[in-house]
PDB file of N, CA and C in Angstrom:
ATOM      1  N   UNK A   1      -6.896  -8.680 -16.568  1.00  0.00           N
ATOM      2  CA  UNK A   1      -8.918  -8.836 -16.297  1.00  0.00           C
ATOM      3  C   UNK A   1      -9.312  -8.646 -17.862  1.00  0.00           C
ATOM      4  N   UNK A   2     -10.073  -9.352 -17.792  1.00  0.00           N
ATOM      5  CA  UNK A   2     -10.756  -9.242 -19.578  1.00  0.00           C
ATOM      6  C   UNK A   2     -12.624  -8.756 -19.144  1.00  0.00           C
ATOM      7  N   UNK A   3     -12.998  -8.671 -19.898  1.00  0.00           N
ATOM      8  CA  UNK A   3     -15.190  -8.154 -19.538  1.00  0.00           C
ATOM      9  C   UNK A   3     -15.162  -8.156 -18.804  1.00  0.00           C
ATOM     10  N   UNK A   4     -15.651  -9.893 -17.906  1.00  0.00           N
ATOM     11  CA  UNK A   4     -16.616 -10.374 -17.795  1.00  0.00           C
ATOM     12  C   UNK A   4     -15.995  -9.449 -16.070  1.00  0.00           C
ATOM     13  N   UNK A   5     -14.318 -10.591 -15.801  1.00  0.00           N
ATOM     14  CA  UNK A   5     -14.019  -9.548 -14.737  1.00  0.00           C
ATOM     15  C   UNK A   5     -13.937  -8.568 -14.517  1.00  0.00           C
ATOM     16  N   UNK A   6     -14.160  -7.605 -15.052  1.00  0.00           N
ATOM     17  CA  UNK A   6     -14.263  -6.343 -14.715  1.00  0.00           C
ATOM     18  C   UNK A   6     -15.719  -5.600 -14.611  1.00  0.00           C
ATOM     19  N   UNK A   7     -16.875  -6.132 -15.635  1.00  0.00           N
ATOM     20  CA  UNK A   7     -18.269  -6.523 -15.280  1.00  0.00           C
ATOM     21  C   UNK A   7     -18.428  -6.786 -13.487  1.00  0.00           C
ATOM     22  N   UNK A   8     -18.191  -8.091 -12.911  1.00  0.00           N
ATOM     23  CA  UNK A   8     -18.401  -8.380 -11.670  1.00  0.00           C
ATOM     24  C   UNK A   8     -17.777  -7.371 -10.811  1.00  0.00           C
ATOM     25  N   UNK A   9     -16.502  -6.827 -11.178  1.00  0.00           N
ATOM     26  CA  UNK A   9     -15.519  -6.478  -9.896  1.00  0.00           C
ATOM     27  C   UNK A   9     -16.473  -4.777  -9.957  1.00  0.00           C
ATOM     28  N   UNK A  10     -17.172  -4.296 -10.703  1.00  0.00           N
ATOM     29  CA  UNK A  10     -17.802  -3.304 -10.977  1.00  0.00           C
ATOM     30  C   UNK A  10     -19.242  -3.356 -10.428  1.00  0.00           C
ATOM     31  N   UNK A  11     -19.723  -4.420 -10.722  1.00  0.00           N
ATOM     32  CA  UNK A  11     -20.884  -4.748 -10.627  1.00  0.00           C
ATOM     33  C   UNK A  11     -21.234  -5.038  -9.333  1.00  0.00           C
ATOM     34  N   UNK A  12     -20.624  -5.748  -8.317  1.00  0.00           N
ATOM     35  CA  UNK A  12     -19.891  -6.428  -6.587  1.00  0.00           C
ATOM     36  C   UNK A  12     -20.797  -4.702  -6.323  1.00  0.00           C
ATOM     37  N   UNK A  13     -19.638  -3.529  -6.373  1.00  0.00           N
ATOM     38  CA  UNK A  13     -20.076  -2.080  -6.294  1.00  0.00           C
ATOM     39  C   UNK A  13     -21.365  -1.005  -6.263  1.00  0.00           C
ATOM     40  N   UNK A  14     -22.122  -1.928  -7.047  1.00  0.00           N
ATOM     41  CA  UNK A  14     -23.172  -1.689  -7.405  1.00  0.00           C
ATOM     42  C   UNK A  14     -24.651  -1.331  -6.301  1.00  0.00           C
ATOM     43  N   UNK A  15     -23.896  -2.046  -4.641  1.00  0.00           N
ATOM     44  CA  UNK A  15     -25.117  -1.403  -3.799  1.00  0.00           C
ATOM     45  C   UNK A  15     -23.739  -0.745  -2.672  1.00  0.00           C
ATOM     46  N   UNK A  16     -25.063   0.147  -2.063  1.00  0.00           N
ATOM     47  CA  UNK A  16     -24.906   1.274  -1.011  1.00  0.00           C
ATOM     48  C   UNK A  16     -23.787  -0.222   0.751  1.00  0.00           C
ATOM     49  N   UNK A  17     -24.556  -1.604   0.566  1.00  0.00           N
ATOM     50  CA  UNK A  17     -24.134  -2.234   1.672  1.00  0.00           C
ATOM     51  C   UNK A  17     -22.374  -2.452   1.704  1.00  0.00           C
ATOM     52  N   UNK A  18     -22.367  -2.999   0.079  1.00  0.00           N
ATOM     53  CA  UNK A  18     -21.252  -3.221  -0.180  1.00  0.00           C
ATOM     54  C   UNK A  18     -20.053  -2.193  -0.087  1.00  0.00           C
ATOM     55  N   UNK A  19     -20.648  -1.066  -0.650  1.00  0.00           N
ATOM     56  CA  UNK A  19     -19.729   0.736  -0.487  1.00  0.00           C
ATOM     57  C   UNK A  19     -19.313   0.399   0.359  1.00  0.00           C
ATOM     58  N   UNK A  20     -19.901   0.606   1.854  1.00  0.00           N
ATOM     59  CA  UNK A  20     -19.746   0.083   3.121  1.00  0.00           C
ATOM     60  C   UNK A  20     -19.400  -0.642   3.617  1.00  0.00           C
ATOM     61  N   UNK A  21     -18.960  -1.749   3.376  1.00  0.00           N
ATOM     62  CA  UNK A  21     -18.028  -2.736   3.712  1.00  0.00           C
ATOM     63  C   UNK A  21     -17.154  -3.050   3.336  1.00  0.00           C
ATOM     64  N   UNK A  22     -16.877  -2.164   1.722  1.00  0.00           N
ATOM     65  CA  UNK A  22     -15.100  -1.491   1.063  1.00  0.00           C
ATOM     66  C   UNK A  22     -14.867  -0.240   2.023  1.00  0.00           C
ATOM     67  N   UNK A  23     -15.360  -0.041   2.743  1.00  0.00           N
ATOM     68  CA  UNK A  23     -15.125   1.184   3.224  1.00  0.00           C
ATOM     69  C   UNK A  23     -14.805   0.930   4.502  1.00  0.00           C
ATOM     70  N   UNK A  24     -15.293  -0.437   4.970  1.00  0.00           N
ATOM     71  CA  UNK A  24     -14.800  -0.514   6.773  1.00  0.00           C
ATOM     72  C   UNK A  24     -13.464  -1.106   6.211  1.00  0.00           C
ATOM     73  N   UNK A  25     -13.723  -1.917   5.500  1.00  0.00           N
ATOM     74  CA  UNK A  25     -12.476  -2.973   5.417  1.00  0.00           C
ATOM     75  C   UNK A  25     -11.233  -1.833   4.265  1.00  0.00           C
ATOM     76  N   UNK A  26     -11.319  -1.193   4.086  1.00  0.00           N
ATOM     77  CA  UNK A  26      -9.689  -0.227   4.606  1.00  0.00           C
ATOM     78  C   UNK A  26      -8.975  -0.014   4.864  1.00  0.00           C
ATOM     79  N   UNK A  27      -9.337   0.052   6.611  1.00  0.00           N
ATOM     80  CA  UNK A  27      -8.535   0.292   7.722  1.00  0.00           C
ATOM     81  C   UNK A  27      -8.150  -0.459   8.277  1.00  0.00           C
ATOM     82  N   UNK A  28      -8.495  -2.586   7.693  1.00  0.00           N
ATOM     83  CA  UNK A  28      -8.053  -3.597   7.720  1.00  0.00           C
ATOM     84  C   UNK A  28      -8.891  -4.832   7.595  1.00  0.00           C
ATOM     85  N   UNK A  29      -8.007  -5.716   8.001  1.00  0.00           N
ATOM     86  CA  UNK A  29      -8.842  -7.319   8.251  1.00  0.00           C
ATOM     87  C   UNK A  29     -10.309  -7.586   9.578  1.00  0.00           C
ATOM     88  N   UNK A  30     -11.347  -7.877   9.265  1.00  0.00           N
ATOM     89  CA  UNK A  30     -12.142  -7.336  10.098  1.00  0.00           C
ATOM     90  C   UNK A  30     -13.409  -8.848   9.905  1.00  0.00           C
ATOM     91  N   UNK A  31     -13.227  -9.218  11.056  1.00  0.00           N
ATOM     92  CA  UNK A  31     -14.285 -10.181  11.275  1.00  0.00           C
ATOM     93  C   UNK A  31     -15.939  -9.926  10.842  1.00  0.00           C
ATOM     94  N   UNK A  32     -16.463 -10.621  10.401  1.00  0.00           N
ATOM     95  CA  UNK A  32     -17.924 -10.939  10.260  1.00  0.00           C
ATOM     96  C   UNK A  32     -18.658 -10.609  11.139  1.00  0.00           C
ATOM     97  N   UNK A  33     -18.622 -10.326  12.532  1.00  0.00           N
ATOM     98  CA  UNK A  33     -19.459  -9.944  13.794  1.00  0.00           C
ATOM     99  C   UNK A  33     -18.726  -8.428  13.459  1.00  0.00           C
ATOM    100  N   UNK A  34     -18.406  -8.393  13.429  1.00  0.00           N
ATOM    101  CA  UNK A  34     -17.842  -6.258  13.259  1.00  0.00           C
ATOM    102  C   UNK A  34     -18.354  -6.330  12.139  1.00  0.00           C
ATOM    103  N   UNK A  35     -18.780  -6.464  11.013  1.00  0.00           N
ATOM    104  CA  UNK A  35     -19.363  -5.977  10.200  1.00  0.00           C
ATOM    105  C   UNK A  35     -20.999  -6.105   9.964  1.00  0.00           C
ATOM    106  N   UNK A  36     -21.746  -7.492  11.130  1.00  0.00           N
ATOM    107  CA  UNK A  36     -22.636  -7.448  11.200  1.00  0.00           C
ATOM    108  C   UNK A  36     -23.399  -5.755  12.081  1.00  0.00           C
ATOM    109  N   UNK A  37     -22.031  -6.123  12.962  1.00  0.00           N
ATOM    110  CA  UNK A  37     -22.476  -4.942  14.333  1.00  0.00           C
ATOM    111  C   UNK A  37     -22.451  -3.476  13.118  1.00  0.00           C
ATOM    112  N   UNK A  38     -21.766  -3.356  12.770  1.00  0.00           N
ATOM    113  CA  UNK A  38     -20.824  -1.551  11.360  1.00  0.00           C
ATOM    114  C   UNK A  38     -22.707  -2.180  10.824  1.00  0.00           C
ATOM    115  N   UNK A  39     -22.863  -3.372  10.138  1.00  0.00           N
ATOM    116  CA  UNK A  39     -24.121  -2.583   9.029  1.00  0.00           C
ATOM    117  C   UNK A  39     -25.847  -2.793  10.190  1.00  0.00           C
ATOM    118  N   UNK A  40     -25.510  -2.944  11.226  1.00  0.00           N
ATOM    119  CA  UNK A  40     -27.093  -3.305  11.702  1.00  0.00           C
ATOM    120  C   UNK A  40     -28.103  -4.496  10.217  1.00  0.00           C
ATOM    121  N   UNK A  41     -27.195  -5.568  10.063  1.00  0.00           N
ATOM    122  CA  UNK A  41     -28.057  -6.433   9.297  1.00  0.00           C
ATOM    123  C   UNK A  41     -28.199  -7.768   9.254  1.00  0.00           C
ATOM    124  N   UNK A  42     -28.964  -8.957   9.236  1.00  0.00           N
ATOM    125  CA  UNK A  42     -28.300 -10.147   9.062  1.00  0.00           C
ATOM    126  C   UNK A  42     -28.007 -10.993   9.138  1.00  0.00           C
ATOM    127  N   UNK A  43     -27.460 -12.178   9.188  1.00  0.00           N
ATOM    128  CA  UNK A  43     -25.871 -12.725   8.678  1.00  0.00           C
ATOM    129  C   UNK A  43     -26.106 -13.494   7.537  1.00  0.00           C
ATOM    130  N   UNK A  44     -27.858 -13.672   7.388  1.00  0.00           N
ATOM    131  CA  UNK A  44     -27.721 -13.827   5.819  1.00  0.00           C
ATOM    132  C   UNK A  44     -27.256 -12.182   5.074  1.00  0.00           C
ATOM    133  N   UNK A  45     -28.203 -11.926   5.376  1.00  0.00           N
ATOM    134  CA  UNK A  45     -27.314 -10.376   4.395  1.00  0.00           C
ATOM    135  C   UNK A  45     -26.098 -10.407   3.807  1.00  0.00           C
ATOM    136  N   UNK A  46     -25.643 -10.305   5.589  1.00  0.00           N
ATOM    137  CA  UNK A  46     -24.114  -9.730   5.174  1.00  0.00           C
ATOM    138  C   UNK A  46     -23.579 -11.133   4.074  1.00  0.00           C
ATOM    139  N   UNK A  47     -23.689 -12.365   4.528  1.00  0.00           N
ATOM    140  CA  UNK A  47     -23.202 -13.567   3.306  1.00  0.00           C
ATOM    141  C   UNK A  47     -23.824 -12.859   2.912  1.00  0.00           C
ATOM    142  N   UNK A  48     -24.418 -13.189   1.775  1.00  0.00           N
ATOM    143  CA  UNK A  48     -25.247 -12.592   1.196  1.00  0.00           C
ATOM    144  C   UNK A  48     -24.279 -11.536   0.436  1.00  0.00           C
ATOM    145  N   UNK A  49     -24.105 -10.508   0.769  1.00  0.00           N
ATOM    146  CA  UNK A  49     -22.632  -9.425   0.059  1.00  0.00           C
ATOM    147  C   UNK A  49     -21.229  -9.509  -0.379  1.00  0.00           C
ATOM    148  N   UNK A  50     -21.259 -10.691   1.399  1.00  0.00           N
ATOM    149  CA  UNK A  50     -19.702 -11.359   0.925  1.00  0.00           C
ATOM    150  C   UNK A  50     -19.437 -11.883  -0.177  1.00  0.00           C
ATOM    151  N   UNK A  51     -20.777 -13.086  -0.434  1.00  0.00           N
ATOM    152  CA  UNK A  51     -19.758 -13.790  -1.484  1.00  0.00           C
ATOM    153  C   UNK A  51     -19.919 -12.806  -2.649  1.00  0.00           C
ATOM    154  N   UNK A  52     -20.619 -11.666  -3.029  1.00  0.00           N
ATOM    155  CA  UNK A  52     -20.494 -11.165  -3.986  1.00  0.00           C
ATOM    156  C   UNK A  52     -19.064 -10.470  -3.855  1.00  0.00           C
ATOM    157  N   UNK A  53     -18.426  -9.453  -3.024  1.00  0.00           N
ATOM    158  CA  UNK A  53     -17.961  -8.985  -2.911  1.00  0.00           C
ATOM    159  C   UNK A  53     -15.573 -10.053  -3.303  1.00  0.00           C
ATOM    160  N   UNK A  54     -16.507 -11.451  -2.718  1.00  0.00           N
ATOM    161  CA  UNK A  54     -15.520 -12.316  -2.722  1.00  0.00           C
ATOM    162  C   UNK A  54     -15.678 -12.790  -4.288  1.00  0.00           C
ATOM    163  N   UNK A  55     -16.671 -13.641  -4.828  1.00  0.00           N
ATOM    164  CA  UNK A  55     -16.672 -13.433  -6.029  1.00  0.00           C
ATOM    165  C   UNK A  55     -16.027 -12.601  -7.480  1.00  0.00           C
ATOM    166  N   UNK A  56     -16.384 -11.478  -6.769  1.00  0.00           N
ATOM    167  CA  UNK A  56     -15.384 -10.097  -7.846  1.00  0.00           C
ATOM    168  C   UNK A  56     -13.683  -9.789  -7.041  1.00  0.00           C
ATOM    169  N   UNK A  57     -13.675 -10.698  -6.468  1.00  0.00           N
ATOM    170  CA  UNK A  57     -12.390 -10.833  -5.629  1.00  0.00           C
ATOM    171  C   UNK A  57     -11.258  -9.975  -5.651  1.00  0.00           C
ATOM    172  N   UNK A  58     -12.297  -8.762  -4.736  1.00  0.00           N
ATOM    173  CA  UNK A  58     -11.936  -7.535  -4.667  1.00  0.00           C
ATOM    174  C   UNK A  58     -11.665  -7.522  -2.570  1.00  0.00           C
ATOM    175  N   UNK A  59     -12.568  -8.618  -2.435  1.00  0.00           N
ATOM    176  CA  UNK A  59     -11.930  -9.141  -1.032  1.00  0.00           C
ATOM    177  C   UNK A  59     -11.990 -10.762  -0.888  1.00  0.00           C
ATOM    178  N   UNK A  60     -11.146 -10.977   0.116  1.00  0.00           N
ATOM    179  CA  UNK A  60     -10.456 -11.694   0.187  1.00  0.00           C
ATOM    180  C   UNK A  60     -11.355 -12.770   1.882  1.00  0.00           C
ATOM    181  N   UNK A  61     -11.028 -13.725   2.104  1.00  0.00           N
ATOM    182  CA  UNK A  61     -11.705 -13.996   3.052  1.00  0.00           C
ATOM    183  C   UNK A  61     -10.619 -15.309   3.969  1.00  0.00           C
ATOM    184  N   UNK A  62     -10.927 -15.565   5.217  1.00  0.00           N
ATOM    185  CA  UNK A  62      -9.972 -16.639   5.956  1.00  0.00           C
ATOM    186  C   UNK A  62     -11.060 -17.275   7.237  1.00  0.00           C
ATOM    187  N   UNK A  63     -11.028 -18.345   7.861  1.00  0.00           N
ATOM    188  CA  UNK A  63     -11.856 -19.273   8.489  1.00  0.00           C
ATOM    189  C   UNK A  63     -10.848 -19.342   9.917  1.00  0.00           C
ATOM    190  N   UNK A  64     -11.662 -19.083  10.414  1.00  0.00           N
ATOM    191  CA  UNK A  64     -10.462 -18.956  11.769  1.00  0.00           C
ATOM    192  C   UNK A  64     -11.795 -19.493  13.602  1.00  0.00           C
ATOM    193  N   UNK A  65     -12.018 -20.376  13.295  1.00  0.00           N
ATOM    194  CA  UNK A  65     -12.988 -20.784  14.176  1.00  0.00           C
ATOM    195  C   UNK A  65     -14.177 -21.072  13.969  1.00  0.00           C
ATOM    196  N   UNK A  66     -15.135 -20.161  14.891  1.00  0.00           N
ATOM    197  CA  UNK A  66     -16.304 -19.961  13.819  1.00  0.00           C
ATOM    198  C   UNK A  66     -16.564 -18.587  13.171  1.00  0.00           C
ATOM    199  N   UNK A  67     -15.963 -18.388  12.967  1.00  0.00           N
ATOM    200  CA  UNK A  67     -15.938 -16.473  12.448  1.00  0.00           C
ATOM    201  C   UNK A  67     -15.086 -16.611  11.228  1.00  0.00           C
ATOM    202  N   UNK A  68     -15.673 -15.832   9.899  1.00  0.00           N
ATOM    203  CA  UNK A  68     -15.120 -15.801   8.664  1.00  0.00           C
ATOM    204  C   UNK A  68     -14.441 -14.121   9.249  1.00  0.00           C
ATOM    205  N   UNK A  69     -12.653 -14.065   8.376  1.00  0.00           N
ATOM    206  CA  UNK A  69     -12.210 -12.903   8.209  1.00  0.00           C
ATOM    207  C   UNK A  69     -12.398 -12.281   7.043  1.00  0.00           C
ATOM    208  N   UNK A  70     -12.485 -11.018   6.563  1.00  0.00           N
ATOM    209  CA  UNK A  70     -12.527 -10.424   5.057  1.00  0.00           C
ATOM    210  C   UNK A  70     -11.635  -9.310   5.748  1.00  0.00           C
ATOM    211  N   UNK A  71     -10.843  -9.298   3.959  1.00  0.00           N
ATOM    212  CA  UNK A  71      -9.651  -8.234   3.811  1.00  0.00           C
ATOM    213  C   UNK A  71      -9.840  -7.782   2.845  1.00  0.00           C
ATOM    214  N   UNK A  72      -9.432  -7.006   2.377  1.00  0.00           N
ATOM    215  CA  UNK A  72      -9.202  -6.299   0.371  1.00  0.00           C
ATOM    216  C   UNK A  72      -8.158  -6.743  -0.082  1.00  0.00           C
ATOM    217  N   UNK A  73      -8.339  -7.424  -1.276  1.00  0.00           N
ATOM    218  CA  UNK A  73      -7.151  -8.222  -2.575  1.00  0.00           C
ATOM    219  C   UNK A  73      -7.199  -6.151  -3.172  1.00  0.00           C
ATOM    220  N   UNK A  74      -5.645  -6.341  -2.222  1.00  0.00           N
ATOM    221  CA  UNK A  74      -5.024  -4.981  -2.720  1.00  0.00           C
ATOM    222  C   UNK A  74      -4.722  -5.512  -3.989  1.00  0.00           C
ATOM    223  N   UNK A  75      -4.195  -6.000  -4.889  1.00  0.00           N
ATOM    224  CA  UNK A  75      -3.743  -6.896  -5.758  1.00  0.00           C
ATOM    225  C   UNK A  75      -5.509  -6.280  -7.393  1.00  0.00           C
ATOM    226  N   UNK A  76      -5.965  -6.514  -6.586  1.00  0.00           N
ATOM    227  CA  UNK A  76      -7.505  -6.348  -7.527  1.00  0.00           C
ATOM    228  C   UNK A  76      -7.479  -5.103  -7.838  1.00  0.00           C
ATOM    229  N   UNK A  77      -7.748  -4.296  -6.146  1.00  0.00           N
ATOM    230  CA  UNK A  77      -7.881  -2.639  -5.976  1.00  0.00           C
ATOM    231  C   UNK A  77      -7.212  -2.767  -6.946  1.00  0.00           C
ATOM    232  N   UNK A  78      -5.926  -2.471  -7.356  1.00  0.00           N
ATOM    233  CA  UNK A  78      -5.075  -2.010  -8.130  1.00  0.00           C
ATOM    234  C   UNK A  78      -5.269  -2.449  -9.803  1.00  0.00           C
ATOM    235  N   UNK A  79      -5.445  -3.090  -9.806  1.00  0.00           N
ATOM    236  CA  UNK A  79      -6.047  -3.610 -11.361  1.00  0.00           C
ATOM    237  C   UNK A  79      -7.241  -2.908 -11.679  1.00  0.00           C
ATOM    238  N   UNK A  80      -8.044  -2.994 -10.573  1.00  0.00           N
ATOM    239  CA  UNK A  80      -9.201  -1.992 -10.572  1.00  0.00           C
ATOM    240  C   UNK A  80      -8.971  -0.721 -11.187  1.00  0.00           C
ATOM    241  N   UNK A  81      -8.193  -0.297 -10.444  1.00  0.00           N
ATOM    242  CA  UNK A  81      -7.636   1.069 -10.627  1.00  0.00           C
ATOM    243  C   UNK A  81      -6.963   1.606 -11.680  1.00  0.00           C
ATOM    244  N   UNK A  82      -6.012   0.105 -12.597  1.00  0.00           N
ATOM    245  CA  UNK A  82      -5.410   0.435 -13.433  1.00  0.00           C
ATOM    246  C   UNK A  82      -6.438   0.307 -14.585  1.00  0.00           C
ATOM    247  N   UNK A  83      -7.099  -0.612 -14.144  1.00  0.00           N
ATOM    248  CA  UNK A  83      -7.996  -0.155 -15.363  1.00  0.00           C
ATOM    249  C   UNK A  83      -8.933   1.145 -15.932  1.00  0.00           C
ATOM    250  N   UNK A  84      -9.117   2.023 -14.358  1.00  0.00           N
ATOM    251  CA  UNK A  84      -9.699   3.211 -14.604  1.00  0.00           C
ATOM    252  C   UNK A  84      -9.493   3.798 -15.210  1.00  0.00           C
ATOM    253  N   UNK A  85      -8.194   4.463 -14.455  1.00  0.00           N
ATOM    254  CA  UNK A  85      -6.873   4.869 -15.598  1.00  0.00           C
ATOM    255  C   UNK A  85      -6.939   5.077 -16.805  1.00  0.00           C
ATOM    256  N   UNK A  86      -7.284   4.371 -17.821  1.00  0.00           N
ATOM    257  CA  UNK A  86      -6.572   4.964 -18.245  1.00  0.00           C
ATOM    258  C   UNK A  86      -7.894   4.879 -20.120  1.00  0.00           C
ATOM    259  N   UNK A  87      -9.177   5.057 -18.938  1.00  0.00           N
ATOM    260  CA  UNK A  87     -10.051   5.482 -19.770  1.00  0.00           C
ATOM    261  C   UNK A  87      -9.239   7.744 -19.825  1.00  0.00           C
ATOM    262  N   UNK A  88      -8.744   7.369 -18.840  1.00  0.00           N
ATOM    263  CA  UNK A  88      -8.376   8.951 -18.750  1.00  0.00           C
ATOM    264  C   UNK A  88      -6.886   9.854 -19.009  1.00  0.00           C
ATOM    265  N   UNK A  89      -6.452   7.798 -19.277  1.00  0.00           N
ATOM    266  CA  UNK A  89      -4.824   8.454 -20.068  1.00  0.00           C
ATOM    267  C   UNK A  89      -5.201   8.391 -21.444  1.00  0.00           C
ATOM    268  N   UNK A  90      -6.489   8.015 -22.169  1.00  0.00           N
ATOM    269  CA  UNK A  90      -6.247   7.430 -23.002  1.00  0.00           C
ATOM    270  C   UNK A  90      -6.673   8.911 -24.096  1.00  0.00           C
ATOM    271  N   UNK A  91      -5.742   8.962 -25.753  1.00  0.00           N
ATOM    272  CA  UNK A  91      -6.129  10.429 -26.830  1.00  0.00           C
ATOM    273  C   UNK A  91      -7.125  10.407 -26.489  1.00  0.00           C
ATOM    274  N   UNK A  92      -7.594  12.244 -26.585  1.00  0.00           N
ATOM    275  CA  UNK A  92      -9.020  12.386 -26.494  1.00  0.00           C
ATOM    276  C   UNK A  92      -9.168  13.679 -28.135  1.00  0.00           C
ATOM    277  N   UNK A  93      -8.103  13.667 -28.582  1.00  0.00           N
ATOM    278  CA  UNK A  93      -7.893  14.417 -29.767  1.00  0.00           C
ATOM    279  C   UNK A  93      -8.415  13.788 -30.504  1.00  0.00           C
ATOM    280  N   UNK A  94      -8.535  12.738 -30.871  1.00  0.00           N
ATOM    281  CA  UNK A  94      -8.978  11.473 -31.931  1.00  0.00           C
ATOM    282  C   UNK A  94     -10.155  11.833 -32.941  1.00  0.00           C
ATOM    283  N   UNK A  95     -10.072  12.718 -33.631  1.00  0.00           N
ATOM    284  CA  UNK A  95     -10.688  13.163 -34.543  1.00  0.00           C
ATOM    285  C   UNK A  95     -11.808  11.934 -35.061  1.00  0.00           C
ATOM    286  N   UNK A  96     -13.240  11.960 -35.568  1.00  0.00           N
ATOM    287  CA  UNK A  96     -13.776  10.855 -36.769  1.00  0.00           C
ATOM    288  C   UNK A  96     -13.729  11.555 -37.651  1.00  0.00           C
ATOM    289  N   UNK A  97     -12.633  10.688 -39.058  1.00  0.00           N
ATOM    290  CA  UNK A  97     -12.467  10.056 -40.352  1.00  0.00           C
ATOM    291  C   UNK A  97     -13.877  10.300 -40.802  1.00  0.00           C
ATOM    292  N   UNK A  98     -14.760   9.978 -40.332  1.00  0.00           N
ATOM    293  CA  UNK A  98     -16.316   9.331 -41.359  1.00  0.00           C
ATOM    294  C   UNK A  98     -16.681  10.112 -41.594  1.00  0.00           C
ATOM    295  N   UNK A  99     -17.029  10.221 -43.393  1.00  0.00           N
ATOM    296  CA  UNK A  99     -17.889  10.826 -43.554  1.00  0.00           C
ATOM    297  C   UNK A  99     -19.324  10.527 -44.450  1.00  0.00           C
TER     298      UNK A  99
END
């Protein structure tokens, strides 16, 4: 992932509703109607949040009839996890040699 992709991905998680949506999707694919019911928000608000999550590629969608179904993109979550682990596995004992 490049820096722009990383920024888009983590920016997508900077909203409580989107974090809640990700929590709901952890258990599997959900229809937009279920997300609307769980979040108690309007359809246009849900569409806004889902666009951001889909643009970040953390969530994928598919149409079936008049409804859209959403699920977690496991590959993108693995990429984000890998990126975050690079912070904890970096060498922390490097000392500045500047004078």
